[in-house]
Amino acid sequence: MALGIESYRVVLTGSALGATVGGVDLRDLHDAVFARIMQAWHNHSVLLFRDQTLNDQELIAFSRRLGDSLMQWSSVTAPGLVVA
């Protein structure tokens, strides 16, 4: 079950940059929640997502939503993943 926008939260790390994003399940994101994650990424440069249990394919799917160029830095190897 996807968590809605009402459970989404961003907490600053207290460091020079970065924030922790909570109240989301990266396996099943509504577009509105994903848009907020993207805005938080642009605002804070580094995002931490704690307590996620993604398999390889779910991690790849979420990473691709962030942008295909990120996949070239991935150390994940899985069927269907091509690292250039």
C-alpha atoms as a PDB file:
ATOM      1  CA  MET A   1       0.000   0.000   0.000  1.00  0.00           C
ATOM      2  CA  ALA A   2       1.416   3.370  -0.988  1.00  0.00           C
ATOM      3  CA  LEU A   3       1.895   5.959   1.681  1.00  0.00           C
ATOM      4  CA  GLY A   4       0.263   9.262   0.815  1.00  0.00           C
ATOM      5  CA  ILE A   5       1.458  12.821   0.856  1.00  0.00           C
ATOM      6  CA  GLU A   6       0.152  13.239   4.416  1.00  0.00           C
ATOM      7  CA  SER A   7       2.804  10.854   5.813  1.00  0.00           C
ATOM      8  CA  TYR A   8       5.719  12.419   3.889  1.00  0.00           C
ATOM      9  CA  ARG A   9       8.263  14.371   5.948  1.00  0.00           C
ATOM     10  CA  VAL A  10      11.744  15.841   5.536  1.00  0.00           C
ATOM     11  CA  VAL A  11      14.036  16.351   8.524  1.00  0.00           C
ATOM     12  CA  LEU A  12      17.331  18.206   8.119  1.00  0.00           C
ATOM     13  CA  THR A  13      20.385  16.200   9.168  1.00  0.00           C
ATOM     14  CA  GLY A  14      22.009  19.102  11.001  1.00  0.00           C
ATOM     15  CA  SER A  15      25.066  18.795   8.764  1.00  0.00           C
ATOM     16  CA  ALA A  16      26.143  21.207   6.052  1.00  0.00           C
ATOM     17  CA  LEU A  17      23.783  19.478   3.634  1.00  0.00           C
ATOM     18  CA  GLY A  18      21.340  16.622   3.542  1.00  0.00           C
ATOM     19  CA  ALA A  19      17.978  15.597   4.911  1.00  0.00           C
ATOM     20  CA  THR A  20      16.226  12.425   5.989  1.00  0.00           C
ATOM     21  CA  VAL A  21      13.011  11.610   4.165  1.00  0.00           C
ATOM     22  CA  GLY A  22      10.440   9.630   6.126  1.00  0.00           C
ATOM     23  CA  GLY A  23       6.909   8.402   5.747  1.00  0.00           C
ATOM     24  CA  VAL A  24       7.524   6.980   2.270  1.00  0.00           C
ATOM     25  CA  ASP A  25       7.774   3.538   0.737  1.00  0.00           C
ATOM     26  CA  LEU A  26      10.154   3.819  -2.215  1.00  0.00           C
ATOM     27  CA  ARG A  27       8.638   0.693  -3.765  1.00  0.00           C
ATOM     28  CA  ASP A  28       5.282   2.394  -4.351  1.00  0.00           C
ATOM     29  CA  LEU A  29       5.368   6.187  -4.679  1.00  0.00           C
ATOM     30  CA  HIS A  30       2.520   8.406  -5.775  1.00  0.00           C
ATOM     31  CA  ASP A  31       3.589  11.037  -8.308  1.00  0.00           C
ATOM     32  CA  ALA A  32       2.893  13.854  -5.822  1.00  0.00           C
ATOM     33  CA  VAL A  33       5.189  12.276  -3.219  1.00  0.00           C
ATOM     34  CA  PHE A  34       7.883  11.657  -5.829  1.00  0.00           C
ATOM     35  CA  ALA A  35       7.678  15.316  -6.896  1.00  0.00           C
ATOM     36  CA  ARG A  36       8.287  16.329  -3.263  1.00  0.00           C
ATOM     37  CA  ILE A  37      11.252  13.957  -3.039  1.00  0.00           C
ATOM     38  CA  MET A  38      12.738  15.539  -6.158  1.00  0.00           C
ATOM     39  CA  GLN A  39      12.248  19.016  -4.690  1.00  0.00           C
ATOM     40  CA  ALA A  40      13.900  17.914  -1.436  1.00  0.00           C
ATOM     41  CA  TRP A  41      16.811  16.464  -3.427  1.00  0.00           C
ATOM     42  CA  HIS A  42      17.282  19.764  -5.248  1.00  0.00           C
ATOM     43  CA  ASN A  43      17.025  21.688  -1.967  1.00  0.00           C
ATOM     44  CA  HIS A  44      19.288  19.505   0.187  1.00  0.00           C
ATOM     45  CA  SER A  45      21.580  17.677  -2.312  1.00  0.00           C
ATOM     46  CA  VAL A  46      21.701  14.469  -0.248  1.00  0.00           C
ATOM     47  CA  LEU A  47      18.696  12.464   0.929  1.00  0.00           C
ATOM     48  CA  LEU A  48      18.637   9.581   3.399  1.00  0.00           C
ATOM     49  CA  PHE A  49      15.833   7.026   3.191  1.00  0.00           C
ATOM     50  CA  ARG A  50      15.879   4.833   6.275  1.00  0.00           C
ATOM     51  CA  ASP A  51      14.122   1.504   6.837  1.00  0.00           C
ATOM     52  CA  GLN A  52      13.562   0.700   3.162  1.00  0.00           C
ATOM     53  CA  THR A  53      13.499  -2.918   1.978  1.00  0.00           C
ATOM     54  CA  LEU A  54      13.981  -2.748  -1.775  1.00  0.00           C
ATOM     55  CA  ASN A  55      15.038  -5.706  -3.851  1.00  0.00           C
ATOM     56  CA  ASP A  56      17.399  -5.127  -6.788  1.00  0.00           C
ATOM     57  CA  GLN A  57      14.621  -4.478  -9.308  1.00  0.00           C
ATOM     58  CA  GLU A  58      12.819  -2.028  -6.990  1.00  0.00           C
ATOM     59  CA  LEU A  59      16.081  -0.140  -6.375  1.00  0.00           C
ATOM     60  CA  ILE A  60      16.690   0.038 -10.114  1.00  0.00           C
ATOM     61  CA  ALA A  61      13.125   1.278 -10.748  1.00  0.00           C
ATOM     62  CA  PHE A  62      13.428   4.010  -8.112  1.00  0.00           C
ATOM     63  CA  SER A  63      16.881   5.036  -9.373  1.00  0.00           C
ATOM     64  CA  ARG A  64      15.579   5.311 -12.927  1.00  0.00           C
ATOM     65  CA  ARG A  65      12.842   7.667 -11.738  1.00  0.00           C
ATOM     66  CA  LEU A  66      15.622   9.913 -10.431  1.00  0.00           C
ATOM     67  CA  GLY A  67      17.326   9.828 -13.820  1.00  0.00           C
ATOM     68  CA  ASP A  68      19.044   7.260 -15.993  1.00  0.00           C
ATOM     69  CA  SER A  69      22.422   8.988 -15.614  1.00  0.00           C
ATOM     70  CA  LEU A  70      22.537   7.878 -11.958  1.00  0.00           C
ATOM     71  CA  MET A  71      22.603   4.249 -12.993  1.00  0.00           C
ATOM     72  CA  GLN A  72      26.158   4.528 -14.337  1.00  0.00           C
ATOM     73  CA  TRP A  73      27.427   4.951 -10.762  1.00  0.00           C
ATOM     74  CA  SER A  74      25.527   1.974  -9.398  1.00  0.00           C
ATOM     75  CA  SER A  75      27.307  -1.074  -8.020  1.00  0.00           C
ATOM     76  CA  VAL A  76      24.070  -3.083  -8.237  1.00  0.00           C
ATOM     77  CA  THR A  77      24.154  -6.017 -10.617  1.00  0.00           C
ATOM     78  CA  ALA A  78      20.849  -7.565 -11.562  1.00  0.00           C
ATOM     79  CA  PRO A  79      19.134  -9.020 -14.614  1.00  0.00           C
ATOM     80  CA  GLY A  80      18.177  -6.244 -17.011  1.00  0.00           C
ATOM     81  CA  LEU A  81      20.687  -3.763 -15.567  1.00  0.00           C
ATOM     82  CA  VAL A  82      23.382  -2.509 -17.874  1.00  0.00           C
ATOM     83  CA  VAL A  83      26.058  -0.362 -16.269  1.00  0.00           C
ATOM     84  CA  ALA A  84      27.960   1.703 -18.836  1.00  0.00           C
END
